[in-house]
């Protein structure tokens, strides 16, 4: 018994691009949080959760090698 397999092919130019984020994007985000805090744009009651996310992001980027201990002020 032969089974017929029907496949639908989509041209490559019609495949939607999947969202992505790079390590460099995350470094930029880390800097945005740092600069925002330095400029006083974060209210006192918002500092703890923002700081916690900043520390998690910093630890992740350091572990990935995207930043080094000396590069807290990366661009």
PDB file of N, CA and C in Angstrom:
ATOM      1  N   UNK A   1       0.826  -1.183   0.000  1.00  0.00           N
ATOM      2  CA  UNK A   1       0.000   0.000   0.000  1.00  0.00           C
ATOM      3  C   UNK A   1       0.869   1.244   0.000  1.00  0.00           C
ATOM      4  N   UNK A   2       0.706   1.992  -0.998  1.00  0.00           N
ATOM      5  CA  UNK A   2       1.423   3.256  -1.077  1.00  0.00           C
ATOM      6  C   UNK A   2       0.588   4.343  -0.415  1.00  0.00           C
ATOM      7  N   UNK A   3       1.241   5.082   0.472  1.00  0.00           N
ATOM      8  CA  UNK A   3       0.559   6.209   1.098  1.00  0.00           C
ATOM      9  C   UNK A   3       1.026   7.492   0.421  1.00  0.00           C
ATOM     10  N   UNK A   4       0.079   8.308   0.094  1.00  0.00           N
ATOM     11  CA  UNK A   4       0.409   9.577  -0.535  1.00  0.00           C
ATOM     12  C   UNK A   4       0.563  10.637   0.555  1.00  0.00           C
ATOM     13  N   UNK A   5       1.641  11.344   0.519  1.00  0.00           N
ATOM     14  CA  UNK A   5       1.898  12.396   1.491  1.00  0.00           C
ATOM     15  C   UNK A   5       1.698  13.728   0.800  1.00  0.00           C
ATOM     16  N   UNK A   6       0.777  14.486   1.328  1.00  0.00           N
ATOM     17  CA  UNK A   6       0.518  15.820   0.798  1.00  0.00           C
ATOM     18  C   UNK A   6       1.238  16.836   1.669  1.00  0.00           C
ATOM     19  N   UNK A   7       2.090  17.614   1.080  1.00  0.00           N
ATOM     20  CA  UNK A   7       2.763  18.677   1.817  1.00  0.00           C
ATOM     21  C   UNK A   7       2.471  19.995   1.142  1.00  0.00           C
ATOM     22  N   UNK A   8       2.365  20.985   1.955  1.00  0.00           N
ATOM     23  CA  UNK A   8       2.150  22.334   1.442  1.00  0.00           C
ATOM     24  C   UNK A   8       3.452  23.084   1.655  1.00  0.00           C
ATOM     25  N   UNK A   9       3.994  23.580   0.587  1.00  0.00           N
ATOM     26  CA  UNK A   9       5.239  24.319   0.721  1.00  0.00           C
ATOM     27  C   UNK A   9       4.944  25.814   0.659  1.00  0.00           C
ATOM     28  N   UNK A  10       5.599  26.520   1.548  1.00  0.00           N
ATOM     29  CA  UNK A  10       5.455  27.965   1.598  1.00  0.00           C
ATOM     30  C   UNK A  10       6.751  28.575   1.083  1.00  0.00           C
ATOM     31  N   UNK A  11       6.647  29.485   0.140  1.00  0.00           N
ATOM     32  CA  UNK A  11       7.869  30.131  -0.342  1.00  0.00           C
ATOM     33  C   UNK A  11       8.607  30.809   0.814  1.00  0.00           C
ATOM     34  N   UNK A  12       9.925  30.752   0.774  1.00  0.00           N
ATOM     35  CA  UNK A  12      10.747  31.283   1.854  1.00  0.00           C
ATOM     36  C   UNK A  12      10.456  32.757   2.114  1.00  0.00           C
ATOM     37  N   UNK A  13      10.196  33.509   1.077  1.00  0.00           N
ATOM     38  CA  UNK A  13       9.955  34.938   1.271  1.00  0.00           C
ATOM     39  C   UNK A  13       8.601  35.233   1.919  1.00  0.00           C
ATOM     40  N   UNK A  14       7.763  34.224   2.089  1.00  0.00           N
ATOM     41  CA  UNK A  14       6.465  34.429   2.728  1.00  0.00           C
ATOM     42  C   UNK A  14       6.423  33.901   4.159  1.00  0.00           C
ATOM     43  N   UNK A  15       7.507  33.317   4.634  1.00  0.00           N
ATOM     44  CA  UNK A  15       7.554  32.830   6.008  1.00  0.00           C
ATOM     45  C   UNK A  15       7.813  34.021   6.921  1.00  0.00           C
ATOM     46  N   UNK A  16       6.932  34.256   7.890  1.00  0.00           N
ATOM     47  CA  UNK A  16       7.117  35.417   8.759  1.00  0.00           C
ATOM     48  C   UNK A  16       8.369  35.250   9.629  1.00  0.00           C
ATOM     49  N   UNK A  17       9.067  36.341   9.832  1.00  0.00           N
ATOM     50  CA  UNK A  17      10.275  36.319  10.653  1.00  0.00           C
ATOM     51  C   UNK A  17       9.876  36.176  12.121  1.00  0.00           C
ATOM     52  N   UNK A  18      10.571  35.295  12.820  1.00  0.00           N
ATOM     53  CA  UNK A  18      10.293  35.059  14.227  1.00  0.00           C
ATOM     54  C   UNK A  18      10.939  36.164  15.059  1.00  0.00           C
ATOM     55  N   UNK A  19      10.261  36.605  16.122  1.00  0.00           N
ATOM     56  CA  UNK A  19      10.858  37.614  16.990  1.00  0.00           C
ATOM     57  C   UNK A  19      12.126  37.056  17.634  1.00  0.00           C
ATOM     58  N   UNK A  20      13.107  37.910  17.809  1.00  0.00           N
ATOM     59  CA  UNK A  20      14.344  37.476  18.444  1.00  0.00           C
ATOM     60  C   UNK A  20      14.925  38.626  19.253  1.00  0.00           C
ATOM     61  N   UNK A  21      15.813  38.267  20.151  1.00  0.00           N
ATOM     62  CA  UNK A  21      16.517  39.261  20.949  1.00  0.00           C
ATOM     63  C   UNK A  21      17.951  38.773  21.106  1.00  0.00           C
ATOM     64  N   UNK A  22      18.883  39.677  20.944  1.00  0.00           N
ATOM     65  CA  UNK A  22      20.290  39.302  21.021  1.00  0.00           C
ATOM     66  C   UNK A  22      20.873  39.685  22.377  1.00  0.00           C
ATOM     67  N   UNK A  23      22.050  39.160  22.648  1.00  0.00           N
ATOM     68  CA  UNK A  23      22.742  39.558  23.878  1.00  0.00           C
ATOM     69  C   UNK A  23      23.034  41.049  23.864  1.00  0.00           C
ATOM     70  N   UNK A  24      23.357  41.588  22.701  1.00  0.00           N
ATOM     71  CA  UNK A  24      23.617  43.032  22.612  1.00  0.00           C
ATOM     72  C   UNK A  24      22.356  43.830  22.942  1.00  0.00           C
ATOM     73  N   UNK A  25      21.185  43.351  22.527  1.00  0.00           N
ATOM     74  CA  UNK A  25      19.930  44.008  22.893  1.00  0.00           C
ATOM     75  C   UNK A  25      19.764  44.040  24.413  1.00  0.00           C
ATOM     76  N   UNK A  26      20.122  42.938  25.073  1.00  0.00           N
ATOM     77  CA  UNK A  26      20.012  42.867  26.520  1.00  0.00           C
ATOM     78  C   UNK A  26      21.020  43.776  27.215  1.00  0.00           C
ATOM     79  N   UNK A  27      22.201  43.924  26.631  1.00  0.00           N
ATOM     80  CA  UNK A  27      23.185  44.861  27.181  1.00  0.00           C
ATOM     81  C   UNK A  27      22.644  46.287  27.095  1.00  0.00           C
ATOM     82  N   UNK A  28      22.033  46.621  25.988  1.00  0.00           N
ATOM     83  CA  UNK A  28      21.420  47.948  25.835  1.00  0.00           C
ATOM     84  C   UNK A  28      20.338  48.145  26.888  1.00  0.00           C
ATOM     85  N   UNK A  29      19.512  47.147  27.099  1.00  0.00           N
ATOM     86  CA  UNK A  29      18.453  47.237  28.102  1.00  0.00           C
ATOM     87  C   UNK A  29      19.044  47.437  29.502  1.00  0.00           C
ATOM     88  N   UNK A  30      20.114  46.722  29.811  1.00  0.00           N
ATOM     89  CA  UNK A  30      20.795  46.891  31.092  1.00  0.00           C
ATOM     90  C   UNK A  30      21.245  48.337  31.264  1.00  0.00           C
ATOM     91  N   UNK A  31      21.816  48.904  30.212  1.00  0.00           N
ATOM     92  CA  UNK A  31      22.266  50.300  30.272  1.00  0.00           C
ATOM     93  C   UNK A  31      21.105  51.276  30.403  1.00  0.00           C
ATOM     94  N   UNK A  32      20.001  50.993  29.764  1.00  0.00           N
ATOM     95  CA  UNK A  32      18.819  51.862  29.880  1.00  0.00           C
ATOM     96  C   UNK A  32      18.336  51.885  31.331  1.00  0.00           C
ATOM     97  N   UNK A  33      18.284  50.732  31.960  1.00  0.00           N
ATOM     98  CA  UNK A  33      17.848  50.667  33.362  1.00  0.00           C
ATOM     99  C   UNK A  33      18.825  51.432  34.247  1.00  0.00           C
ATOM    100  N   UNK A  34      20.125  51.224  34.024  1.00  0.00           N
ATOM    101  CA  UNK A  34      21.138  51.903  34.835  1.00  0.00           C
ATOM    102  C   UNK A  34      21.042  53.422  34.681  1.00  0.00           C
ATOM    103  N   UNK A  35      20.951  53.899  33.457  1.00  0.00           N
ATOM    104  CA  UNK A  35      20.892  55.342  33.200  1.00  0.00           C
ATOM    105  C   UNK A  35      19.597  55.939  33.749  1.00  0.00           C
ATOM    106  N   UNK A  36      18.495  55.226  33.586  1.00  0.00           N
ATOM    107  CA  UNK A  36      17.210  55.694  34.106  1.00  0.00           C
ATOM    108  C   UNK A  36      17.274  55.862  35.622  1.00  0.00           C
ATOM    109  N   UNK A  37      17.882  54.902  36.304  1.00  0.00           N
ATOM    110  CA  UNK A  37      18.014  54.988  37.757  1.00  0.00           C
ATOM    111  C   UNK A  37      18.933  56.149  38.147  1.00  0.00           C
ATOM    112  N   UNK A  38      20.032  56.319  37.427  1.00  0.00           N
ATOM    113  CA  UNK A  38      20.954  57.416  37.726  1.00  0.00           C
ATOM    114  C   UNK A  38      20.300  58.776  37.562  1.00  0.00           C
ATOM    115  N   UNK A  39      19.374  58.884  36.637  1.00  0.00           N
ATOM    116  CA  UNK A  39      18.698  60.160  36.378  1.00  0.00           C
ATOM    117  C   UNK A  39      17.496  60.392  37.296  1.00  0.00           C
ATOM    118  N   UNK A  40      17.213  59.437  38.161  1.00  0.00           N
ATOM    119  CA  UNK A  40      16.135  59.606  39.123  1.00  0.00           C
ATOM    120  C   UNK A  40      14.741  59.385  38.555  1.00  0.00           C
ATOM    121  N   UNK A  41      14.651  58.663  37.472  1.00  0.00           N
ATOM    122  CA  UNK A  41      13.352  58.443  36.832  1.00  0.00           C
ATOM    123  C   UNK A  41      12.573  57.288  37.453  1.00  0.00           C
ATOM    124  N   UNK A  42      13.175  56.593  38.406  1.00  0.00           N
ATOM    125  CA  UNK A  42      12.498  55.478  39.067  1.00  0.00           C
ATOM    126  C   UNK A  42      12.097  55.928  40.465  1.00  0.00           C
ATOM    127  N   UNK A  43      10.816  55.762  40.787  1.00  0.00           N
ATOM    128  CA  UNK A  43      10.318  56.156  42.101  1.00  0.00           C
ATOM    129  C   UNK A  43      10.861  55.214  43.171  1.00  0.00           C
ATOM    130  N   UNK A  44      10.884  55.695  44.393  1.00  0.00           N
ATOM    131  CA  UNK A  44      11.441  54.928  45.507  1.00  0.00           C
ATOM    132  C   UNK A  44      10.768  53.568  45.660  1.00  0.00           C
ATOM    133  N   UNK A  45       9.453  53.514  45.526  1.00  0.00           N
ATOM    134  CA  UNK A  45       8.748  52.243  45.697  1.00  0.00           C
ATOM    135  C   UNK A  45       8.930  51.298  44.504  1.00  0.00           C
ATOM    136  N   UNK A  46       9.527  51.783  43.436  1.00  0.00           N
ATOM    137  CA  UNK A  46       9.793  50.960  42.256  1.00  0.00           C
ATOM    138  C   UNK A  46      11.232  50.440  42.222  1.00  0.00           C
ATOM    139  N   UNK A  47      12.096  50.969  43.078  1.00  0.00           N
ATOM    140  CA  UNK A  47      13.518  50.640  43.007  1.00  0.00           C
ATOM    141  C   UNK A  47      13.827  49.177  43.285  1.00  0.00           C
ATOM    142  N   UNK A  48      13.171  48.574  44.260  1.00  0.00           N
ATOM    143  CA  UNK A  48      13.485  47.182  44.612  1.00  0.00           C
ATOM    144  C   UNK A  48      13.215  46.221  43.453  1.00  0.00           C
ATOM    145  N   UNK A  49      12.021  46.237  42.845  1.00  0.00           N
ATOM    146  CA  UNK A  49      11.808  45.292  41.736  1.00  0.00           C
ATOM    147  C   UNK A  49      12.665  45.606  40.513  1.00  0.00           C
ATOM    148  N   UNK A  50      12.894  46.872  40.235  1.00  0.00           N
ATOM    149  CA  UNK A  50      13.739  47.236  39.096  1.00  0.00           C
ATOM    150  C   UNK A  50      15.176  46.793  39.369  1.00  0.00           C
ATOM    151  N   UNK A  51      15.642  47.004  40.594  1.00  0.00           N
ATOM    152  CA  UNK A  51      16.985  46.579  40.966  1.00  0.00           C
ATOM    153  C   UNK A  51      17.154  45.070  40.895  1.00  0.00           C
ATOM    154  N   UNK A  52      16.114  44.341  41.289  1.00  0.00           N
ATOM    155  CA  UNK A  52      16.172  42.875  41.240  1.00  0.00           C
ATOM    156  C   UNK A  52      16.287  42.386  39.797  1.00  0.00           C
ATOM    157  N   UNK A  53      15.521  42.968  38.904  1.00  0.00           N
ATOM    158  CA  UNK A  53      15.593  42.587  37.488  1.00  0.00           C
ATOM    159  C   UNK A  53      16.951  42.987  36.910  1.00  0.00           C
ATOM    160  N   UNK A  54      17.438  44.157  37.297  1.00  0.00           N
ATOM    161  CA  UNK A  54      18.751  44.615  36.833  1.00  0.00           C
ATOM    162  C   UNK A  54      19.827  43.612  37.244  1.00  0.00           C
ATOM    163  N   UNK A  55      19.802  43.175  38.491  1.00  0.00           N
ATOM    164  CA  UNK A  55      20.808  42.226  38.980  1.00  0.00           C
ATOM    165  C   UNK A  55      20.720  40.883  38.245  1.00  0.00           C
ATOM    166  N   UNK A  56      19.503  40.409  37.993  1.00  0.00           N
ATOM    167  CA  UNK A  56      19.328  39.160  37.255  1.00  0.00           C
ATOM    168  C   UNK A  56      19.873  39.291  35.835  1.00  0.00           C
ATOM    169  N   UNK A  57      19.553  40.405  35.188  1.00  0.00           N
ATOM    170  CA  UNK A  57      20.021  40.641  33.829  1.00  0.00           C
ATOM    171  C   UNK A  57      21.540  40.776  33.801  1.00  0.00           C
ATOM    172  N   UNK A  58      22.091  41.512  34.759  1.00  0.00           N
ATOM    173  CA  UNK A  58      23.547  41.674  34.840  1.00  0.00           C
ATOM    174  C   UNK A  58      24.223  40.320  35.036  1.00  0.00           C
ATOM    175  N   UNK A  59      23.696  39.503  35.938  1.00  0.00           N
ATOM    176  CA  UNK A  59      24.275  38.179  36.194  1.00  0.00           C
ATOM    177  C   UNK A  59      24.213  37.299  34.951  1.00  0.00           C
ATOM    178  N   UNK A  60      23.096  37.342  34.244  1.00  0.00           N
ATOM    179  CA  UNK A  60      22.937  36.560  33.023  1.00  0.00           C
ATOM    180  C   UNK A  60      23.948  36.991  31.964  1.00  0.00           C
ATOM    181  N   UNK A  61      24.063  38.301  31.767  1.00  0.00           N
ATOM    182  CA  UNK A  61      24.974  38.808  30.742  1.00  0.00           C
ATOM    183  C   UNK A  61      26.431  38.530  31.105  1.00  0.00           C
ATOM    184  N   UNK A  62      26.756  38.612  32.385  1.00  0.00           N
ATOM    185  CA  UNK A  62      28.118  38.303  32.820  1.00  0.00           C
ATOM    186  C   UNK A  62      28.421  36.823  32.598  1.00  0.00           C
ATOM    187  N   UNK A  63      27.478  35.958  32.963  1.00  0.00           N
ATOM    188  CA  UNK A  63      27.669  34.514  32.779  1.00  0.00           C
ATOM    189  C   UNK A  63      27.776  34.144  31.305  1.00  0.00           C
ATOM    190  N   UNK A  64      27.083  34.871  30.444  1.00  0.00           N
ATOM    191  CA  UNK A  64      27.113  34.575  29.010  1.00  0.00           C
ATOM    192  C   UNK A  64      28.369  35.106  28.336  1.00  0.00           C
ATOM    193  N   UNK A  65      29.091  35.974  29.030  1.00  0.00           N
ATOM    194  CA  UNK A  65      30.291  36.569  28.446  1.00  0.00           C
ATOM    195  C   UNK A  65      30.017  37.833  27.659  1.00  0.00           C
ATOM    196  N   UNK A  66      28.768  38.283  27.645  1.00  0.00           N
ATOM    197  CA  UNK A  66      28.421  39.497  26.898  1.00  0.00           C
ATOM    198  C   UNK A  66      29.019  40.740  27.555  1.00  0.00           C
ATOM    199  N   UNK A  67      29.214  40.686  28.871  1.00  0.00           N
ATOM    200  CA  UNK A  67      29.861  41.773  29.599  1.00  0.00           C
ATOM    201  C   UNK A  67      30.892  41.167  30.548  1.00  0.00           C
ATOM    202  N   UNK A  68      31.813  42.002  30.973  1.00  0.00           N
ATOM    203  CA  UNK A  68      32.801  41.575  31.956  1.00  0.00           C
ATOM    204  C   UNK A  68      32.621  42.404  33.221  1.00  0.00           C
ATOM    205  N   UNK A  69      33.302  42.029  34.263  1.00  0.00           N
ATOM    206  CA  UNK A  69      33.210  42.755  35.530  1.00  0.00           C
ATOM    207  C   UNK A  69      33.585  44.227  35.348  1.00  0.00           C
ATOM    208  N   UNK A  70      34.542  44.483  34.473  1.00  0.00           N
ATOM    209  CA  UNK A  70      35.007  45.851  34.249  1.00  0.00           C
ATOM    210  C   UNK A  70      34.103  46.657  33.329  1.00  0.00           C
ATOM    211  N   UNK A  71      33.119  46.020  32.724  1.00  0.00           N
ATOM    212  CA  UNK A  71      32.318  46.709  31.710  1.00  0.00           C
ATOM    213  C   UNK A  71      30.901  47.011  32.177  1.00  0.00           C
ATOM    214  N   UNK A  72      30.746  47.451  33.418  1.00  0.00           N
ATOM    215  CA  UNK A  72      29.412  47.806  33.897  1.00  0.00           C
ATOM    216  C   UNK A  72      28.822  48.939  33.067  1.00  0.00           C
ATOM    217  N   UNK A  73      29.653  49.770  32.505  1.00  0.00           N
ATOM    218  CA  UNK A  73      29.159  50.873  31.681  1.00  0.00           C
ATOM    219  C   UNK A  73      29.431  50.568  30.214  1.00  0.00           C
ATOM    220  N   UNK A  74      28.833  49.476  29.729  1.00  0.00           N
ATOM    221  CA  UNK A  74      28.997  49.092  28.325  1.00  0.00           C
ATOM    222  C   UNK A  74      28.017  49.854  27.472  1.00  0.00           C
ATOM    223  N   UNK A  75      28.305  49.908  26.191  1.00  0.00           N
ATOM    224  CA  UNK A  75      27.364  50.584  25.293  1.00  0.00           C
ATOM    225  C   UNK A  75      26.882  49.656  24.229  1.00  0.00           C
TER     226      UNK A  75
END
